[in-house]
Amino acid sequence: MATSLAFIVTAVLIAKARKAGWLKRHKPLALTGAASALTGFIVIFFAKTMAQFPHFNSPHAFAGLAVVFILLFTATVGFRLAGGPPGLRPLHRVLGRIAAIVIVITAVSGLLRFLQLS
């Protein structure tokens, strides 16, 4: 999930700067970040299932679920932008920034939870 954090925040910063060639850097970073978050979520879900630990029993778990949904929705809107209606661009920008903020909050809450359990 830390990998996802790095990719998503970098993708948002590149998109925000909008320097020449930004889209060619933004798109693979954002997709890799979203895929990484989804993969991490699935791995954690199955690891908890196999260990018979409860699911979604902390704010961190719910924030992680929210991140996955936001990232998937953001990616869907981003794909629709390619040759699609430009009116979706503001929504995509806002969703991307929200995703970056929520993934940072999720990472911090996970770190705090880990330190609390240690």
N, C-alpha and C. Protein backbone atom coordinates (compact mmCIF):
# COMPACT_ATOMS: atom_id res chain seq x y z
N MET A 1 0.82 -1.19 0.00
CA MET A 1 0.00 0.00 0.00
C MET A 1 0.87 1.26 0.00
N ALA A 2 2.06 1.17 0.58
CA ALA A 2 2.97 2.32 0.55
C ALA A 2 3.37 2.64 -0.89
N THR A 3 3.50 1.61 -1.70
CA THR A 3 3.82 1.82 -3.11
C THR A 3 2.71 2.62 -3.78
N SER A 4 1.49 2.25 -3.48
CA SER A 4 0.34 2.96 -4.05
C SER A 4 0.37 4.44 -3.64
N LEU A 5 0.66 4.69 -2.39
CA LEU A 5 0.75 6.07 -1.89
C LEU A 5 1.76 6.86 -2.71
N ALA A 6 2.93 6.29 -2.91
CA ALA A 6 3.98 7.01 -3.66
C ALA A 6 3.55 7.27 -5.10
N PHE A 7 2.98 6.28 -5.75
CA PHE A 7 2.56 6.45 -7.15
C PHE A 7 1.43 7.46 -7.30
N ILE A 8 0.43 7.39 -6.42
CA ILE A 8 -0.73 8.27 -6.54
C ILE A 8 -0.34 9.72 -6.27
N VAL A 9 0.40 9.95 -5.20
CA VAL A 9 0.80 11.32 -4.87
C VAL A 9 1.68 11.89 -5.98
N THR A 10 2.60 11.10 -6.51
CA THR A 10 3.44 11.56 -7.61
C THR A 10 2.61 11.88 -8.85
N ALA A 11 1.63 11.01 -9.17
CA ALA A 11 0.77 11.24 -10.34
C ALA A 11 -0.02 12.53 -10.19
N VAL A 12 -0.52 12.80 -9.00
CA VAL A 12 -1.29 14.03 -8.76
C VAL A 12 -0.38 15.26 -8.89
N LEU A 13 0.82 15.19 -8.34
CA LEU A 13 1.75 16.32 -8.43
C LEU A 13 2.16 16.60 -9.88
N ILE A 14 2.37 15.54 -10.65
CA ILE A 14 2.72 15.71 -12.07
C ILE A 14 1.56 16.35 -12.82
N ALA A 15 0.34 15.89 -12.56
CA ALA A 15 -0.83 16.45 -13.23
C ALA A 15 -1.04 17.90 -12.85
N LYS A 16 -0.76 18.22 -11.59
CA LYS A 16 -0.95 19.59 -11.11
C LYS A 16 0.05 20.54 -11.77
N ALA A 17 1.28 20.08 -11.98
CA ALA A 17 2.32 20.93 -12.60
C ALA A 17 2.06 21.14 -14.09
N ARG A 18 1.51 20.14 -14.75
CA ARG A 18 1.14 20.20 -16.18
C ARG A 18 2.27 20.70 -17.09
N LYS A 19 3.47 20.21 -16.87
CA LYS A 19 4.59 20.54 -17.76
C LYS A 19 4.48 19.68 -19.02
N ALA A 20 5.26 20.02 -20.02
CA ALA A 20 5.21 19.32 -21.29
C ALA A 20 5.37 17.81 -21.07
N GLY A 21 4.51 17.04 -21.71
CA GLY A 21 4.56 15.59 -21.60
C GLY A 21 4.03 15.03 -20.29
N TRP A 22 3.31 15.83 -19.54
CA TRP A 22 2.85 15.41 -18.22
C TRP A 22 1.92 14.20 -18.29
N LEU A 23 1.07 14.12 -19.30
CA LEU A 23 0.09 13.04 -19.37
C LEU A 23 0.76 11.68 -19.55
N LYS A 24 1.86 11.64 -20.31
CA LYS A 24 2.57 10.38 -20.52
C LYS A 24 3.22 9.87 -19.24
N ARG A 25 3.49 10.76 -18.32
CA ARG A 25 4.04 10.36 -17.01
C ARG A 25 2.91 10.11 -16.02
N HIS A 26 1.87 10.93 -16.07
CA HIS A 26 0.77 10.85 -15.11
C HIS A 26 0.00 9.54 -15.22
N LYS A 27 -0.36 9.18 -16.45
CA LYS A 27 -1.23 8.03 -16.66
C LYS A 27 -0.65 6.71 -16.13
N PRO A 28 0.58 6.33 -16.49
CA PRO A 28 1.10 5.06 -15.96
C PRO A 28 1.31 5.08 -14.44
N LEU A 29 1.69 6.24 -13.91
CA LEU A 29 1.86 6.33 -12.45
C LEU A 29 0.53 6.14 -11.74
N ALA A 30 -0.50 6.82 -12.23
CA ALA A 30 -1.82 6.73 -11.60
C ALA A 30 -2.38 5.32 -11.72
N LEU A 31 -2.23 4.70 -12.88
CA LEU A 31 -2.75 3.34 -13.06
C LEU A 31 -1.99 2.33 -12.20
N THR A 32 -0.68 2.49 -12.12
CA THR A 32 0.12 1.61 -11.27
C THR A 32 -0.26 1.79 -9.81
N GLY A 33 -0.49 3.03 -9.40
CA GLY A 33 -0.91 3.30 -8.03
C GLY A 33 -2.26 2.69 -7.71
N ALA A 34 -3.22 2.83 -8.63
CA ALA A 34 -4.55 2.25 -8.42
C ALA A 34 -4.48 0.73 -8.39
N ALA A 35 -3.72 0.14 -9.32
CA ALA A 35 -3.57 -1.32 -9.35
C ALA A 35 -2.88 -1.82 -8.08
N SER A 36 -1.90 -1.07 -7.62
CA SER A 36 -1.20 -1.44 -6.39
C SER A 36 -2.12 -1.39 -5.18
N ALA A 37 -2.95 -0.37 -5.11
CA ALA A 37 -3.90 -0.26 -3.99
C ALA A 37 -4.91 -1.40 -4.02
N LEU A 38 -5.43 -1.70 -5.20
CA LEU A 38 -6.40 -2.79 -5.33
C LEU A 38 -5.76 -4.13 -4.97
N THR A 39 -4.55 -4.36 -5.46
CA THR A 39 -3.83 -5.60 -5.15
C THR A 39 -3.57 -5.71 -3.65
N GLY A 40 -3.09 -4.63 -3.05
CA GLY A 40 -2.84 -4.64 -1.61
C GLY A 40 -4.10 -4.91 -0.81
N PHE A 41 -5.20 -4.31 -1.22
CA PHE A 41 -6.47 -4.51 -0.53
C PHE A 41 -6.90 -5.97 -0.62
N ILE A 42 -6.79 -6.56 -1.80
CA ILE A 42 -7.18 -7.96 -1.99
C ILE A 42 -6.30 -8.89 -1.16
N VAL A 43 -4.99 -8.63 -1.18
CA VAL A 43 -4.07 -9.46 -0.41
C VAL A 43 -4.38 -9.37 1.08
N ILE A 44 -4.61 -8.17 1.58
CA ILE A 44 -4.92 -7.99 2.99
C ILE A 44 -6.25 -8.67 3.34
N PHE A 45 -7.24 -8.54 2.45
CA PHE A 45 -8.54 -9.15 2.69
C PHE A 45 -8.41 -10.67 2.84
N PHE A 46 -7.68 -11.30 1.90
CA PHE A 46 -7.54 -12.75 1.96
C PHE A 46 -6.63 -13.19 3.11
N ALA A 47 -5.63 -12.41 3.44
CA ALA A 47 -4.76 -12.75 4.58
C ALA A 47 -5.56 -12.72 5.88
N LYS A 48 -6.43 -11.73 6.03
CA LYS A 48 -7.27 -11.66 7.23
C LYS A 48 -8.27 -12.81 7.25
N THR A 49 -8.80 -13.17 6.09
CA THR A 49 -9.74 -14.28 6.01
C THR A 49 -9.07 -15.58 6.41
N MET A 50 -7.88 -15.82 5.87
CA MET A 50 -7.16 -17.06 6.19
C MET A 50 -6.75 -17.13 7.66
N ALA A 51 -6.43 -15.99 8.25
CA ALA A 51 -6.03 -15.95 9.66
C ALA A 51 -7.24 -15.84 10.58
N GLN A 52 -8.43 -15.75 10.00
CA GLN A 52 -9.69 -15.61 10.73
C GLN A 52 -9.71 -14.36 11.62
N PHE A 53 -9.14 -13.28 11.09
CA PHE A 53 -9.21 -11.99 11.77
C PHE A 53 -10.45 -11.26 11.26
N PRO A 54 -11.02 -10.40 12.08
CA PRO A 54 -12.21 -9.66 11.63
C PRO A 54 -11.86 -8.61 10.57
N HIS A 55 -12.81 -8.37 9.68
CA HIS A 55 -12.63 -7.37 8.63
C HIS A 55 -13.30 -6.07 9.06
N PHE A 56 -12.73 -4.96 8.61
CA PHE A 56 -13.33 -3.64 8.78
C PHE A 56 -13.69 -3.34 10.24
N ASN A 57 -12.71 -3.46 11.10
CA ASN A 57 -12.93 -3.17 12.51
C ASN A 57 -12.15 -1.95 12.98
N SER A 58 -11.72 -1.11 12.03
CA SER A 58 -10.98 0.10 12.39
C SER A 58 -11.23 1.18 11.35
N PRO A 59 -11.01 2.44 11.72
CA PRO A 59 -11.13 3.52 10.74
C PRO A 59 -10.15 3.33 9.58
N HIS A 60 -8.98 2.77 9.86
CA HIS A 60 -7.99 2.52 8.81
C HIS A 60 -8.55 1.58 7.74
N ALA A 61 -9.26 0.55 8.16
CA ALA A 61 -9.83 -0.41 7.21
C ALA A 61 -10.88 0.25 6.32
N PHE A 62 -11.73 1.06 6.92
CA PHE A 62 -12.76 1.75 6.13
C PHE A 62 -12.13 2.79 5.20
N ALA A 63 -11.09 3.45 5.66
CA ALA A 63 -10.39 4.43 4.81
C ALA A 63 -9.74 3.72 3.62
N GLY A 64 -9.19 2.53 3.87
CA GLY A 64 -8.59 1.75 2.78
C GLY A 64 -9.63 1.35 1.75
N LEU A 65 -10.79 0.95 2.20
CA LEU A 65 -11.88 0.62 1.28
C LEU A 65 -12.30 1.85 0.48
N ALA A 66 -12.39 2.99 1.15
CA ALA A 66 -12.75 4.24 0.47
C ALA A 66 -11.71 4.59 -0.59
N VAL A 67 -10.44 4.41 -0.27
CA VAL A 67 -9.36 4.72 -1.22
C VAL A 67 -9.52 3.87 -2.48
N VAL A 68 -9.78 2.58 -2.31
CA VAL A 68 -9.91 1.70 -3.46
C VAL A 68 -11.07 2.15 -4.35
N PHE A 69 -12.22 2.45 -3.74
CA PHE A 69 -13.37 2.90 -4.52
C PHE A 69 -13.10 4.23 -5.23
N ILE A 70 -12.49 5.17 -4.51
CA ILE A 70 -12.19 6.47 -5.12
C ILE A 70 -11.21 6.32 -6.28
N LEU A 71 -10.19 5.49 -6.09
CA LEU A 71 -9.20 5.30 -7.15
C LEU A 71 -9.82 4.63 -8.38
N LEU A 72 -10.65 3.64 -8.16
CA LEU A 72 -11.30 2.98 -9.29
C LEU A 72 -12.22 3.93 -10.04
N PHE A 73 -12.96 4.74 -9.29
CA PHE A 73 -13.85 5.71 -9.93
C PHE A 73 -13.05 6.78 -10.67
N THR A 74 -11.97 7.24 -10.07
CA THR A 74 -11.10 8.24 -10.70
C THR A 74 -10.50 7.69 -12.00
N ALA A 75 -10.05 6.44 -11.96
CA ALA A 75 -9.48 5.83 -13.17
C ALA A 75 -10.54 5.69 -14.26
N THR A 76 -11.74 5.32 -13.87
CA THR A 76 -12.84 5.19 -14.84
C THR A 76 -13.14 6.53 -15.51
N VAL A 77 -13.20 7.57 -14.72
CA VAL A 77 -13.44 8.91 -15.27
C VAL A 77 -12.27 9.32 -16.16
N GLY A 78 -11.05 9.00 -15.75
CA GLY A 78 -9.87 9.31 -16.55
C GLY A 78 -9.89 8.62 -17.91
N PHE A 79 -10.29 7.36 -17.94
CA PHE A 79 -10.40 6.65 -19.21
C PHE A 79 -11.48 7.25 -20.10
N ARG A 80 -12.56 7.71 -19.50
CA ARG A 80 -13.64 8.34 -20.27
C ARG A 80 -13.18 9.67 -20.88
N LEU A 81 -12.21 10.30 -20.26
CA LEU A 81 -11.69 11.56 -20.79
C LEU A 81 -10.96 11.39 -22.12
N ALA A 82 -10.35 10.24 -22.30
CA ALA A 82 -9.59 9.99 -23.53
C ALA A 82 -10.57 9.91 -24.71
N GLY A 83 -10.66 10.98 -25.45
CA GLY A 83 -11.56 11.03 -26.59
C GLY A 83 -13.02 11.20 -26.21
N GLY A 84 -13.26 11.46 -24.94
CA GLY A 84 -14.63 11.61 -24.47
C GLY A 84 -14.95 13.05 -24.11
N PRO A 85 -15.99 13.23 -23.31
CA PRO A 85 -16.43 14.59 -22.97
C PRO A 85 -15.42 15.31 -22.07
N PRO A 86 -14.94 16.48 -22.48
CA PRO A 86 -13.98 17.23 -21.66
C PRO A 86 -14.61 17.77 -20.37
N GLY A 87 -15.93 17.73 -20.28
CA GLY A 87 -16.60 18.20 -19.07
C GLY A 87 -16.30 17.35 -17.85
N LEU A 88 -15.73 16.16 -18.07
CA LEU A 88 -15.38 15.28 -16.95
C LEU A 88 -14.04 15.66 -16.32
N ARG A 89 -13.28 16.52 -17.00
CA ARG A 89 -11.93 16.88 -16.51
C ARG A 89 -11.95 17.46 -15.09
N PRO A 90 -12.83 18.42 -14.77
CA PRO A 90 -12.84 18.94 -13.40
C PRO A 90 -13.15 17.86 -12.36
N LEU A 91 -14.08 16.96 -12.69
CA LEU A 91 -14.40 15.86 -11.78
C LEU A 91 -13.18 14.97 -11.56
N HIS A 92 -12.48 14.65 -12.64
CA HIS A 92 -11.29 13.80 -12.54
C HIS A 92 -10.22 14.46 -11.68
N ARG A 93 -10.03 15.76 -11.86
CA ARG A 93 -9.03 16.48 -11.05
C ARG A 93 -9.39 16.45 -9.57
N VAL A 94 -10.64 16.74 -9.27
CA VAL A 94 -11.08 16.76 -7.87
C VAL A 94 -10.96 15.37 -7.26
N LEU A 95 -11.39 14.34 -7.98
CA LEU A 95 -11.30 12.97 -7.47
C LEU A 95 -9.85 12.56 -7.23
N GLY A 96 -8.97 12.94 -8.14
CA GLY A 96 -7.56 12.62 -7.97
C GLY A 96 -6.97 13.25 -6.73
N ARG A 97 -7.32 14.49 -6.49
CA ARG A 97 -6.81 15.18 -5.29
C ARG A 97 -7.41 14.58 -4.03
N ILE A 98 -8.70 14.25 -4.09
CA ILE A 98 -9.34 13.60 -2.93
C ILE A 98 -8.67 12.25 -2.67
N ALA A 99 -8.42 11.49 -3.73
CA ALA A 99 -7.76 10.19 -3.58
C ALA A 99 -6.40 10.34 -2.92
N ALA A 100 -5.63 11.33 -3.35
CA ALA A 100 -4.30 11.54 -2.76
C ALA A 100 -4.40 11.89 -1.28
N ILE A 101 -5.35 12.73 -0.92
CA ILE A 101 -5.53 13.12 0.48
C ILE A 101 -5.98 11.92 1.31
N VAL A 102 -6.95 11.17 0.81
CA VAL A 102 -7.48 10.03 1.57
C VAL A 102 -6.43 8.94 1.70
N ILE A 103 -5.60 8.73 0.67
CA ILE A 103 -4.58 7.69 0.78
C ILE A 103 -3.50 8.09 1.79
N VAL A 104 -3.19 9.37 1.89
CA VAL A 104 -2.24 9.83 2.91
C VAL A 104 -2.84 9.64 4.30
N ILE A 105 -4.10 10.01 4.47
CA ILE A 105 -4.78 9.82 5.77
C ILE A 105 -4.81 8.34 6.14
N THR A 106 -5.08 7.49 5.16
CA THR A 106 -5.13 6.05 5.40
C THR A 106 -3.76 5.53 5.82
N ALA A 107 -2.71 5.98 5.15
CA ALA A 107 -1.36 5.55 5.50
C ALA A 107 -0.98 5.99 6.91
N VAL A 108 -1.30 7.23 7.25
CA VAL A 108 -0.98 7.73 8.59
C VAL A 108 -1.77 6.96 9.65
N SER A 109 -3.05 6.71 9.38
CA SER A 109 -3.86 5.97 10.37
C SER A 109 -3.35 4.53 10.50
N GLY A 110 -2.88 3.93 9.41
CA GLY A 110 -2.32 2.59 9.48
C GLY A 110 -1.02 2.56 10.26
N LEU A 111 -0.20 3.58 10.06
CA LEU A 111 1.06 3.66 10.80
C LEU A 111 0.79 3.84 12.29
N LEU A 112 -0.15 4.72 12.61
CA LEU A 112 -0.50 4.93 14.02
C LEU A 112 -1.08 3.67 14.64
N ARG A 113 -1.89 2.96 13.88
CA ARG A 113 -2.47 1.70 14.38
C ARG A 113 -1.37 0.67 14.62
N PHE A 114 -0.43 0.60 13.70
CA PHE A 114 0.69 -0.33 13.85
C PHE A 114 1.51 0.00 15.08
N LEU A 115 1.81 1.28 15.28
CA LEU A 115 2.59 1.69 16.45
C LEU A 115 1.84 1.43 17.74
N GLN A 116 0.54 1.56 17.68
CA GLN A 116 -0.30 1.32 18.85
C GLN A 116 -0.30 -0.17 19.23
N LEU A 117 -0.28 -1.04 18.24
CA LEU A 117 -0.31 -2.48 18.48
C LEU A 117 1.05 -3.06 18.81
N SER A 118 2.12 -2.31 18.51
CA SER A 118 3.48 -2.82 18.76
C SER A 118 3.85 -2.76 20.22
